[in-house]
Amino acid sequence: MKRIYNFSAGPATLPIETLQEAQAEFLDYQGSGMSIMEMSHRGKHYDAVHQEALANFRELLSVPDTHEIIFMQGGATSQFSFVPMNFLGQGETADYINSGAWAKKAIAEAKFFGKVNVAADFGKEIPTRQAYADELQLTPGAAYLHCTSNETISGAQIKIFPESDAPLVSDMSSDILSRELDVSKFGLIYAGAQKNLGPSGVTLVIVRKDLAAKVADTVPMMFRYQTHIENQSLYNTPPTFGIYILCLVTRWLKKQGGVAAMEAINNRKSAKLYAAIDGSDFYRGTALPEFRSTMNVTWRLPREELEAQFIQEAKALEMDGLKGHRSVGGIRASIYNAFPEEGVDALVAFMKDFEAKNG
């Protein structure tokens, strides 16, 4: 079996143990004579998987009883509309932090539903960064404050979340379960699955129950968080196979020691790459050091033609997915929870060799 080092930003690498378990159960799930892909979402086999996945997320993130966990569809992008549709009332203002490409999209969608105040706008700054606490221009009585915890494209991550009297809402698509988190401080957290959780097609949402209950009567049933809470994410047919993989990933995370253990591993992996960048005059990191992401490490080389050569030679050595996002260029190594540390070591060794030959 050939397995490369997949540095893709998403869909991204999954734990090999998870893939092997899914492979073994693919045709005949627990003696049922059929795949879990073929089962009713109301049946006992799938229900056990569904409930375990919910319970595992609650355990891994220490989600308090004040919050509900739901599985939704449409990716994090759909949540750009769900959030204001549910939380932004008539005559109210929502605060948004524009930290880059994904925050900008969330802001654009929110404007369809109500008034938006951009509390800080640095999405185009180079080096890239996140917000400093003293620069936020918050709205008194805001409906909520929205932030993007980790900008996948720019490689800038929030290290200390902003404080506000308004409920805090965060898009955590690219760093959910990568570090310990106090969920009680958030009104809502959402994350597309295809980076740290499983395959594309599932969206994890953690929402404070009292906020979900305040949805306006004019919001269609399918687009209310409250609907999905009341139906345990089974209001319509959910992406059952994707949730099954999520369940397997949460089992794997628990075996690794949980979120605290993963945070230590992620800090170690990213530190190796940043040390290789900082110890060189050839490579240049693109995010301010105090906001460097542990999930998406981004850097540039002296010339674009060297970047293209770097990507091509790395791919020949079975290291793929290193090309930076088309909007910014450069190099990006996405090293999510399931990315093996030996892959980081291989990349660092290649970086040193490439610099020696081309620096």
Protein backbone atom coordinates (compact mmCIF):
# COMPACT_ATOMS: atom_id res chain seq x y z
CA MET A 1 0.00 0.00 0.00
CA LYS A 2 1.37 3.39 -1.01
CA ARG A 3 0.66 6.34 1.30
CA ILE A 4 2.10 9.79 0.59
CA TYR A 5 2.47 12.69 3.00
CA ASN A 6 -0.64 14.73 2.27
CA PHE A 7 -0.21 18.38 3.27
CA SER A 8 -3.54 19.38 1.70
CA ALA A 9 -5.60 22.05 3.46
CA GLY A 10 -8.79 20.02 3.07
CA PRO A 11 -10.14 17.54 2.46
CA ALA A 12 -7.13 16.43 4.44
CA THR A 13 -5.37 13.36 5.72
CA LEU A 14 -7.25 11.02 8.05
CA PRO A 15 -5.82 8.63 10.66
CA ILE A 16 -4.69 5.45 8.92
CA GLU A 17 -6.29 3.45 11.73
CA THR A 18 -9.63 5.10 10.99
CA LEU A 19 -9.41 4.32 7.28
CA GLN A 20 -8.49 0.72 7.96
CA GLU A 21 -11.38 0.28 10.38
CA ALA A 22 -13.83 1.75 7.87
CA GLN A 23 -12.39 -0.50 5.16
CA ALA A 24 -12.85 -3.61 7.29
CA GLU A 25 -16.48 -2.72 8.03
CA PHE A 26 -17.39 -1.31 4.64
CA LEU A 27 -19.29 -4.24 3.16
CA ASP A 28 -20.65 -5.83 6.32
CA TYR A 29 -21.14 -3.59 9.34
CA GLN A 30 -21.16 -5.61 12.56
CA GLY A 31 -22.68 -8.70 10.97
CA SER A 32 -25.64 -6.83 9.49
CA GLY A 33 -24.90 -8.02 5.96
CA MET A 34 -24.81 -4.46 4.61
CA SER A 35 -22.68 -1.34 4.69
CA ILE A 36 -23.48 1.43 7.13
CA MET A 37 -23.84 3.58 4.01
CA GLU A 38 -26.93 1.53 3.13
CA MET A 39 -28.64 1.61 6.52
CA SER A 40 -31.59 3.65 7.66
CA HIS A 41 -30.62 6.62 9.81
CA ARG A 42 -33.43 5.47 12.12
CA GLY A 43 -32.04 1.95 12.55
CA LYS A 44 -30.33 0.63 15.67
CA HIS A 45 -26.88 0.22 14.11
CA TYR A 46 -26.64 3.77 12.84
CA ASP A 47 -28.29 5.21 15.94
CA ALA A 48 -25.55 3.73 18.12
CA VAL A 49 -22.88 5.37 15.92
CA HIS A 50 -24.73 8.70 15.92
CA GLN A 51 -25.10 8.78 19.70
CA GLU A 52 -21.50 7.73 20.27
CA ALA A 53 -20.21 10.48 18.00
CA LEU A 54 -22.23 13.09 19.90
CA ALA A 55 -21.07 11.73 23.26
CA ASN A 56 -17.42 11.59 22.19
CA PHE A 57 -17.43 15.21 21.03
CA ARG A 58 -19.00 16.28 24.31
CA GLU A 59 -16.28 14.42 26.21
CA LEU A 60 -13.34 15.55 24.07
CA LEU A 61 -14.32 19.24 24.20
CA SER A 62 -15.81 19.16 27.72
CA VAL A 63 -19.01 20.66 26.30
CA PRO A 64 -21.21 21.90 29.18
CA ASP A 65 -24.89 21.05 29.54
CA THR A 66 -25.73 24.64 28.52
CA HIS A 67 -24.69 23.77 24.96
CA GLU A 68 -25.98 21.31 22.39
CA ILE A 69 -23.97 19.48 19.73
CA ILE A 70 -25.54 19.00 16.30
CA PHE A 71 -24.46 17.62 12.95
CA MET A 72 -25.44 19.69 9.93
CA GLN A 73 -24.73 19.86 6.20
CA GLY A 74 -23.53 22.50 3.77
CA GLY A 75 -20.06 22.99 5.23
CA ALA A 76 -18.93 25.96 7.27
CA THR A 77 -19.89 28.19 4.36
CA SER A 78 -23.58 27.50 4.99
CA GLN A 79 -23.07 28.66 8.58
CA PHE A 80 -22.13 32.11 7.28
CA SER A 81 -25.89 32.46 6.60
CA PHE A 82 -27.25 30.25 9.39
CA VAL A 83 -25.67 32.40 12.11
CA PRO A 84 -27.24 35.75 11.19
CA MET A 85 -30.49 34.04 10.16
CA ASN A 86 -30.83 32.68 13.70
CA PHE A 87 -29.15 35.35 15.82
CA LEU A 88 -29.35 38.72 14.05
CA GLY A 89 -32.74 40.23 14.91
CA GLN A 90 -34.46 43.14 13.23
CA GLY A 91 -32.78 46.43 14.08
CA GLU A 92 -29.77 44.69 15.64
CA THR A 93 -26.08 44.88 14.69
CA ALA A 94 -23.60 42.02 14.56
CA ASP A 95 -19.87 42.59 15.12
CA TYR A 96 -17.43 40.79 12.82
CA ILE A 97 -13.63 40.62 12.82
CA ASN A 98 -12.23 40.57 9.28
CA SER A 99 -9.08 38.48 9.58
CA GLY A 100 -8.89 37.18 6.02
CA ALA A 101 -10.61 35.33 3.21
CA TRP A 102 -13.01 33.21 5.27
CA ALA A 103 -14.00 36.00 7.63
CA LYS A 104 -14.63 38.23 4.62
CA LYS A 105 -17.07 35.68 3.18
CA ALA A 106 -18.89 35.41 6.50
CA ILE A 107 -19.27 39.19 6.61
CA ALA A 108 -20.67 39.32 3.07
CA GLU A 109 -23.34 36.74 3.91
CA ALA A 110 -24.33 38.43 7.18
CA LYS A 111 -25.08 41.66 5.35
CA PHE A 112 -27.99 39.96 3.58
CA PHE A 113 -29.75 39.61 6.95
CA GLY A 114 -28.96 42.75 8.91
CA LYS A 115 -26.48 45.41 9.92
CA VAL A 116 -22.85 44.44 10.26
CA ASN A 117 -20.10 46.32 12.08
CA VAL A 118 -16.57 45.32 11.11
CA ALA A 119 -14.95 45.60 14.52
CA ALA A 120 -11.44 45.25 13.08
CA ASP A 121 -10.29 44.96 9.48
CA PHE A 122 -6.82 43.64 8.70
CA GLY A 123 -7.65 40.87 6.25
CA LYS A 124 -5.26 42.16 3.60
CA GLU A 125 -2.28 42.90 5.83
CA ILE A 126 1.09 41.27 5.18
CA PRO A 127 2.48 39.74 7.37
CA THR A 128 -0.88 38.17 8.17
CA ARG A 129 -2.26 38.26 11.69
CA GLN A 130 -5.27 38.12 14.00
CA ALA A 131 -6.81 40.91 16.07
CA TYR A 132 -5.17 42.69 18.97
CA ALA A 133 -7.57 43.15 21.88
CA ASP A 134 -7.21 46.94 22.02
CA GLU A 135 -8.15 47.52 18.37
CA LEU A 136 -11.66 46.05 18.44
CA GLN A 137 -14.39 48.63 17.89
CA LEU A 138 -17.37 46.79 19.38
CA THR A 139 -21.04 47.73 19.17
CA PRO A 140 -22.87 48.20 22.49
CA GLY A 141 -25.65 45.62 22.62
CA ALA A 142 -24.41 43.72 19.57
CA ALA A 143 -26.29 40.54 18.67
CA TYR A 144 -23.00 38.61 18.62
CA LEU A 145 -19.28 38.89 17.85
CA HIS A 146 -17.97 36.65 15.06
CA CYS A 147 -14.36 35.58 14.61
CA THR A 148 -12.47 33.02 12.54
CA SER A 149 -10.18 31.13 14.89
CA ASN A 150 -7.71 30.02 12.22
CA GLU A 151 -7.41 31.51 8.75
CA THR A 152 -6.49 28.49 6.65
CA ILE A 153 -5.20 30.55 3.73
CA SER A 154 -3.07 33.07 5.62
CA GLY A 155 -1.83 30.77 8.39
CA ALA A 156 -2.85 33.15 11.19
CA GLN A 157 -4.50 31.76 14.32
CA ILE A 158 -6.20 33.36 17.32
CA LYS A 159 -4.23 32.55 20.46
CA ILE A 160 -6.45 34.40 22.96
CA PHE A 161 -10.10 34.75 21.96
CA PRO A 162 -11.67 38.23 22.10
CA GLU A 163 -13.96 39.19 24.93
CA SER A 164 -17.30 40.91 24.47
CA ASP A 165 -20.61 41.34 26.25
CA ALA A 166 -22.18 39.83 23.13
CA PRO A 167 -22.22 36.07 22.50
CA LEU A 168 -18.99 34.93 20.84
CA VAL A 169 -19.39 33.00 17.58
CA SER A 170 -16.40 31.32 15.95
CA ASP A 171 -15.65 29.49 12.73
CA MET A 172 -13.20 26.78 13.90
CA SER A 173 -13.14 24.72 10.73
CA SER A 174 -9.37 24.34 10.57
CA ASP A 175 -8.37 24.04 14.23
CA ILE A 176 -11.28 22.37 16.05
CA LEU A 177 -10.03 19.65 18.44
CA SER A 178 -6.41 20.74 17.90
CA ARG A 179 -6.13 22.50 21.28
CA GLU A 180 -7.97 22.77 24.55
CA LEU A 181 -10.90 25.15 24.58
CA ASP A 182 -13.37 26.60 27.09
CA VAL A 183 -16.60 26.03 25.20
CA SER A 184 -18.64 27.85 27.86
CA LYS A 185 -17.23 31.17 26.60
CA PHE A 186 -18.86 30.72 23.18
CA GLY A 187 -22.41 31.22 22.03
CA LEU A 188 -21.75 29.09 18.97
CA ILE A 189 -18.87 27.18 17.39
CA TYR A 190 -19.02 25.70 13.90
CA ALA A 191 -16.56 23.65 11.88
CA GLY A 192 -16.52 21.88 8.54
CA ALA A 193 -15.35 18.31 9.07
CA GLN A 194 -12.87 17.93 6.22
CA LYS A 195 -9.77 19.17 8.03
CA ASN A 196 -9.61 17.76 11.55
CA LEU A 197 -12.77 15.69 11.93
CA GLY A 198 -13.46 13.48 8.92
CA PRO A 199 -14.67 13.70 5.32
CA SER A 200 -16.35 16.66 3.69
CA GLY A 201 -20.13 16.83 3.94
CA VAL A 202 -20.62 17.14 7.69
CA THR A 203 -20.58 20.33 9.76
CA LEU A 204 -20.15 20.22 13.51
CA VAL A 205 -22.09 22.90 15.41
CA ILE A 206 -21.95 23.55 19.14
CA VAL A 207 -24.60 26.07 20.18
CA ARG A 208 -25.79 27.52 23.45
CA LYS A 209 -29.32 26.29 24.01
CA ASP A 210 -30.79 29.60 25.13
CA LEU A 211 -29.52 31.35 21.99
CA ALA A 212 -30.93 28.70 19.68
CA ALA A 213 -34.33 29.00 21.33
CA LYS A 214 -34.62 32.71 20.48
CA VAL A 215 -34.90 32.18 16.72
CA ALA A 216 -37.53 34.27 14.96
CA ASP A 217 -40.73 32.61 13.77
CA THR A 218 -40.00 33.76 10.22
CA VAL A 219 -36.95 31.50 9.85
CA PRO A 220 -37.81 28.30 7.92
CA MET A 221 -37.73 25.14 10.01
CA MET A 222 -34.78 23.58 8.19
CA PHE A 223 -32.65 26.65 8.85
CA ARG A 224 -33.22 26.81 12.61
CA TYR A 225 -30.64 25.43 15.01
CA GLN A 226 -33.54 24.70 17.35
CA THR A 227 -35.06 22.30 14.82
CA HIS A 228 -31.87 20.23 14.68
CA ILE A 229 -31.52 20.28 18.46
CA GLU A 230 -35.06 19.01 18.99
CA ASN A 231 -34.54 16.24 16.45
CA GLN A 232 -31.01 15.23 17.55
CA SER A 233 -29.64 16.11 14.09
CA LEU A 234 -32.14 13.74 12.46
CA TYR A 235 -34.72 16.24 11.17
CA ASN A 236 -33.79 15.09 7.68
CA THR A 237 -31.50 12.29 6.53
CA PRO A 238 -28.02 13.22 7.78
CA PRO A 239 -24.75 12.35 5.98
CA THR A 240 -24.60 9.01 7.76
CA PHE A 241 -21.30 7.70 6.39
CA GLY A 242 -19.56 11.00 7.15
CA ILE A 243 -20.84 10.92 10.74
CA TYR A 244 -19.68 7.31 11.02
CA ILE A 245 -16.15 8.41 10.03
CA LEU A 246 -16.40 11.28 12.54
CA CYS A 247 -17.23 8.70 15.19
CA LEU A 248 -14.15 6.65 14.28
CA VAL A 249 -11.96 9.78 14.36
CA THR A 250 -13.21 10.67 17.85
CA ARG A 251 -12.37 7.14 19.01
CA TRP A 252 -8.87 7.60 17.61
CA LEU A 253 -8.50 10.96 19.35
CA LYS A 254 -9.48 9.44 22.68
CA LYS A 255 -6.86 6.73 22.20
CA GLN A 256 -4.21 9.40 21.57
CA GLY A 257 -4.97 10.93 24.96
CA GLY A 258 -7.61 13.48 23.97
CA VAL A 259 -7.32 17.12 23.01
CA ALA A 260 -4.59 18.03 25.52
CA ALA A 261 -2.32 15.33 24.09
CA MET A 262 -3.07 16.43 20.53
CA GLU A 263 -2.26 20.03 21.41
CA ALA A 264 1.19 19.01 22.62
CA ILE A 265 1.80 17.00 19.45
CA ASN A 266 0.56 19.84 17.21
CA ASN A 267 2.77 22.38 19.00
CA ARG A 268 5.77 20.10 18.50
CA LYS A 269 5.04 19.48 14.82
CA SER A 270 4.55 23.15 13.96
CA ALA A 271 7.57 24.23 16.03
CA LYS A 272 9.81 22.06 13.85
CA LEU A 273 8.60 23.77 10.69
CA TYR A 274 8.83 27.28 12.11
CA ALA A 275 12.35 26.55 13.36
CA ALA A 276 13.33 25.52 9.83
CA ILE A 277 11.85 28.75 8.46
CA ASP A 278 13.34 31.04 11.10
CA GLY A 279 16.75 29.39 10.91
CA SER A 280 17.05 30.30 7.26
CA ASP A 281 17.57 33.43 5.16
CA PHE A 282 16.02 31.54 2.24
CA TYR A 283 12.53 30.97 3.66
CA ARG A 284 10.22 33.68 5.00
CA GLY A 285 7.16 33.06 7.15
CA THR A 286 4.05 34.99 6.15
CA ALA A 287 2.25 35.30 9.53
CA LEU A 288 3.35 37.40 12.47
CA PRO A 289 5.12 35.10 14.98
CA GLU A 290 2.59 35.75 17.76
CA PHE A 291 -0.26 34.56 15.53
CA ARG A 292 1.37 31.65 13.71
CA SER A 293 -1.00 28.75 13.12
CA THR A 294 -0.21 25.28 14.39
CA MET A 295 -2.42 23.86 11.65
CA ASN A 296 -1.45 25.74 8.48
CA VAL A 297 2.20 26.78 8.23
CA THR A 298 2.73 29.30 5.43
CA TRP A 299 5.94 30.68 3.96
CA ARG A 300 7.55 32.13 0.83
CA LEU A 301 10.75 31.55 -1.10
CA PRO A 302 12.82 34.31 -2.73
CA ARG A 303 11.18 33.88 -6.15
CA GLU A 304 7.97 32.34 -7.49
CA GLU A 305 9.87 30.10 -9.89
CA LEU A 306 11.73 28.63 -6.91
CA GLU A 307 8.39 28.02 -5.19
CA ALA A 308 7.14 26.12 -8.22
CA GLN A 309 10.35 24.07 -8.26
CA PHE A 310 10.04 23.41 -4.51
CA ILE A 311 6.47 22.10 -4.93
CA GLN A 312 7.43 19.92 -7.91
CA GLU A 313 10.45 18.36 -6.21
CA ALA A 314 8.55 17.77 -2.97
CA LYS A 315 5.81 15.98 -4.89
CA ALA A 316 8.39 13.74 -6.53
CA LEU A 317 9.42 12.77 -3.00
CA GLU A 318 5.78 11.91 -2.17
CA MET A 319 5.00 15.12 -0.30
CA ASP A 320 1.87 16.57 -1.90
CA GLY A 321 -0.49 19.49 -1.28
CA LEU A 322 2.17 22.09 -0.48
CA LYS A 323 1.08 24.72 -2.98
CA GLY A 324 -0.28 27.82 -1.26
CA HIS A 325 -3.83 28.97 -1.92
CA ARG A 326 -4.30 30.37 -5.41
CA SER A 327 -5.16 33.81 -3.97
CA VAL A 328 -1.83 34.26 -2.16
CA GLY A 329 0.66 31.79 -3.64
CA GLY A 330 3.68 30.62 -1.70
CA ILE A 331 3.93 27.38 0.27
CA ARG A 332 1.46 25.99 2.78
CA ALA A 333 1.89 22.87 4.89
CA SER A 334 -1.36 21.84 6.55
CA ILE A 335 -0.51 19.56 9.47
CA TYR A 336 -3.83 18.77 11.12
CA ASN A 337 -4.31 16.31 13.97
CA ALA A 338 -4.00 13.20 11.81
CA PHE A 339 -0.89 14.36 9.95
CA PRO A 340 2.05 12.19 11.11
CA GLU A 341 5.04 13.81 12.75
CA GLU A 342 7.43 11.85 10.54
CA GLY A 343 5.93 13.71 7.58
CA VAL A 344 6.96 17.00 9.16
CA ASP A 345 10.46 15.62 9.71
CA ALA A 346 10.62 14.59 6.06
CA LEU A 347 9.57 18.06 4.94
CA VAL A 348 12.12 19.79 7.17
CA ALA A 349 14.89 17.57 5.79
CA PHE A 350 13.79 18.40 2.24
CA MET A 351 13.69 22.13 3.03
CA LYS A 352 17.28 22.05 4.23
CA ASP A 353 18.42 20.10 1.20
CA PHE A 354 16.52 22.38 -1.20
CA GLU A 355 18.05 25.48 0.38
CA ALA A 356 21.55 24.00 0.18
CA LYS A 357 21.10 23.41 -3.54
CA ASN A 358 19.25 26.62 -4.44
CA GLY A 359 19.99 29.18 -1.73
